[in-house]
Amino acid sequence: MADIDIPESLIELERKAWAEQQAGVLTVATAAAVQQAYTEHAAAAGLSRYEVERAVKRLVRHPAPDGA
């Protein structure tokens, strides 16, 4: 997968959604906000929304160990 420039605001939205999901309190508003952000960023960058979402989720949910 090519490197995708991911804005910090999108990472923070995904972190919030992931934390809510893990706690069992994910709201429709949070889920909709993160999906909207994926869509807008992908369109602006000329990328697939799916690829943007996959890259962000990988970064948030499976961070590389320090020094990797």
C-alpha atoms as a PDB file:
ATOM      1  CA  MET A   1       0.000   0.000   0.000  1.00  0.00           C
ATOM      2  CA  ALA A   2       1.325   3.429  -0.898  1.00  0.00           C
ATOM      3  CA  ASP A   3       1.960   5.927   1.844  1.00  0.00           C
ATOM      4  CA  ILE A   4      -1.083   8.101   2.426  1.00  0.00           C
ATOM      5  CA  ASP A   5      -0.793  11.546   3.978  1.00  0.00           C
ATOM      6  CA  ILE A   6      -3.219  11.366   6.889  1.00  0.00           C
ATOM      7  CA  PRO A   7      -4.132  14.560   8.746  1.00  0.00           C
ATOM      8  CA  GLU A   8      -3.944  14.466  12.544  1.00  0.00           C
ATOM      9  CA  SER A   9      -7.611  15.485  12.753  1.00  0.00           C
ATOM     10  CA  LEU A  10      -8.628  12.281  10.952  1.00  0.00           C
ATOM     11  CA  ILE A  11      -6.424  10.182  13.231  1.00  0.00           C
ATOM     12  CA  GLU A  12      -8.010  11.789  16.294  1.00  0.00           C
ATOM     13  CA  LEU A  13     -11.530  11.124  14.973  1.00  0.00           C
ATOM     14  CA  GLU A  14     -10.673   7.464  14.435  1.00  0.00           C
ATOM     15  CA  ARG A  15      -9.087   7.225  17.894  1.00  0.00           C
ATOM     16  CA  LYS A  16     -12.297   8.597  19.414  1.00  0.00           C
ATOM     17  CA  ALA A  17     -14.457   6.186  17.420  1.00  0.00           C
ATOM     18  CA  TRP A  18     -12.219   3.231  18.301  1.00  0.00           C
ATOM     19  CA  ALA A  19     -12.252   4.119  22.002  1.00  0.00           C
ATOM     20  CA  GLU A  20     -16.053   4.428  21.950  1.00  0.00           C
ATOM     21  CA  GLN A  21     -16.361   1.135  20.093  1.00  0.00           C
ATOM     22  CA  GLN A  22     -14.109  -0.647  22.590  1.00  0.00           C
ATOM     23  CA  ALA A  23     -16.138   0.780  25.481  1.00  0.00           C
ATOM     24  CA  GLY A  24     -19.419  -0.248  23.829  1.00  0.00           C
ATOM     25  CA  VAL A  25     -20.639   3.337  23.556  1.00  0.00           C
ATOM     26  CA  LEU A  26     -19.982   4.211  19.899  1.00  0.00           C
ATOM     27  CA  THR A  27     -22.557   6.785  18.817  1.00  0.00           C
ATOM     28  CA  VAL A  28     -24.071   7.276  15.395  1.00  0.00           C
ATOM     29  CA  ALA A  29     -22.752  10.847  15.469  1.00  0.00           C
ATOM     30  CA  THR A  30     -19.165   9.708  16.027  1.00  0.00           C
ATOM     31  CA  ALA A  31     -19.384   6.974  13.392  1.00  0.00           C
ATOM     32  CA  ALA A  32     -20.918   9.385  10.872  1.00  0.00           C
ATOM     33  CA  ALA A  33     -18.285  12.043  11.575  1.00  0.00           C
ATOM     34  CA  VAL A  34     -15.394   9.686  10.966  1.00  0.00           C
ATOM     35  CA  GLN A  35     -16.965   8.289   7.778  1.00  0.00           C
ATOM     36  CA  GLN A  36     -17.589  11.826   6.511  1.00  0.00           C
ATOM     37  CA  ALA A  37     -13.967  12.719   7.239  1.00  0.00           C
ATOM     38  CA  TYR A  38     -12.723   9.649   5.324  1.00  0.00           C
ATOM     39  CA  THR A  39     -14.894  10.553   2.359  1.00  0.00           C
ATOM     40  CA  GLU A  40     -13.864  14.222   2.305  1.00  0.00           C
ATOM     41  CA  HIS A  41     -10.153  13.510   2.702  1.00  0.00           C
ATOM     42  CA  ALA A  42     -10.202  10.817   0.029  1.00  0.00           C
ATOM     43  CA  ALA A  43     -12.020  13.084  -2.437  1.00  0.00           C
ATOM     44  CA  ALA A  44      -9.669  16.006  -1.779  1.00  0.00           C
ATOM     45  CA  ALA A  45      -6.578  13.820  -2.138  1.00  0.00           C
ATOM     46  CA  GLY A  46      -7.859  11.853  -5.155  1.00  0.00           C
ATOM     47  CA  LEU A  47      -7.724   8.588  -3.216  1.00  0.00           C
ATOM     48  CA  SER A  48     -10.062   5.695  -2.578  1.00  0.00           C
ATOM     49  CA  ARG A  49     -12.132   6.226   0.580  1.00  0.00           C
ATOM     50  CA  TYR A  50     -11.606   2.567   1.353  1.00  0.00           C
ATOM     51  CA  GLU A  51      -7.806   2.925   1.190  1.00  0.00           C
ATOM     52  CA  VAL A  52      -7.872   6.027   3.406  1.00  0.00           C
ATOM     53  CA  GLU A  53     -10.061   4.261   5.966  1.00  0.00           C
ATOM     54  CA  ARG A  54      -7.850   1.166   5.911  1.00  0.00           C
ATOM     55  CA  ALA A  55      -4.666   3.212   6.391  1.00  0.00           C
ATOM     56  CA  VAL A  56      -6.107   5.213   9.289  1.00  0.00           C
ATOM     57  CA  LYS A  57      -7.525   2.161  11.041  1.00  0.00           C
ATOM     58  CA  ARG A  58      -4.213   0.345  10.667  1.00  0.00           C
ATOM     59  CA  LEU A  59      -2.376   3.325  12.152  1.00  0.00           C
ATOM     60  CA  VAL A  60      -4.780   3.671  15.098  1.00  0.00           C
ATOM     61  CA  ARG A  61      -5.542   0.034  15.834  1.00  0.00           C
ATOM     62  CA  HIS A  62      -2.193  -1.571  15.000  1.00  0.00           C
ATOM     63  CA  PRO A  63       0.533   1.002  15.619  1.00  0.00           C
ATOM     64  CA  ALA A  64       4.091   0.016  14.772  1.00  0.00           C
ATOM     65  CA  PRO A  65       6.312  -0.684  17.777  1.00  0.00           C
ATOM     66  CA  ASP A  66       8.717   2.102  18.719  1.00  0.00           C
ATOM     67  CA  GLY A  67      11.750   2.153  16.486  1.00  0.00           C
ATOM     68  CA  ALA A  68      10.088   0.226  13.690  1.00  0.00           C
END
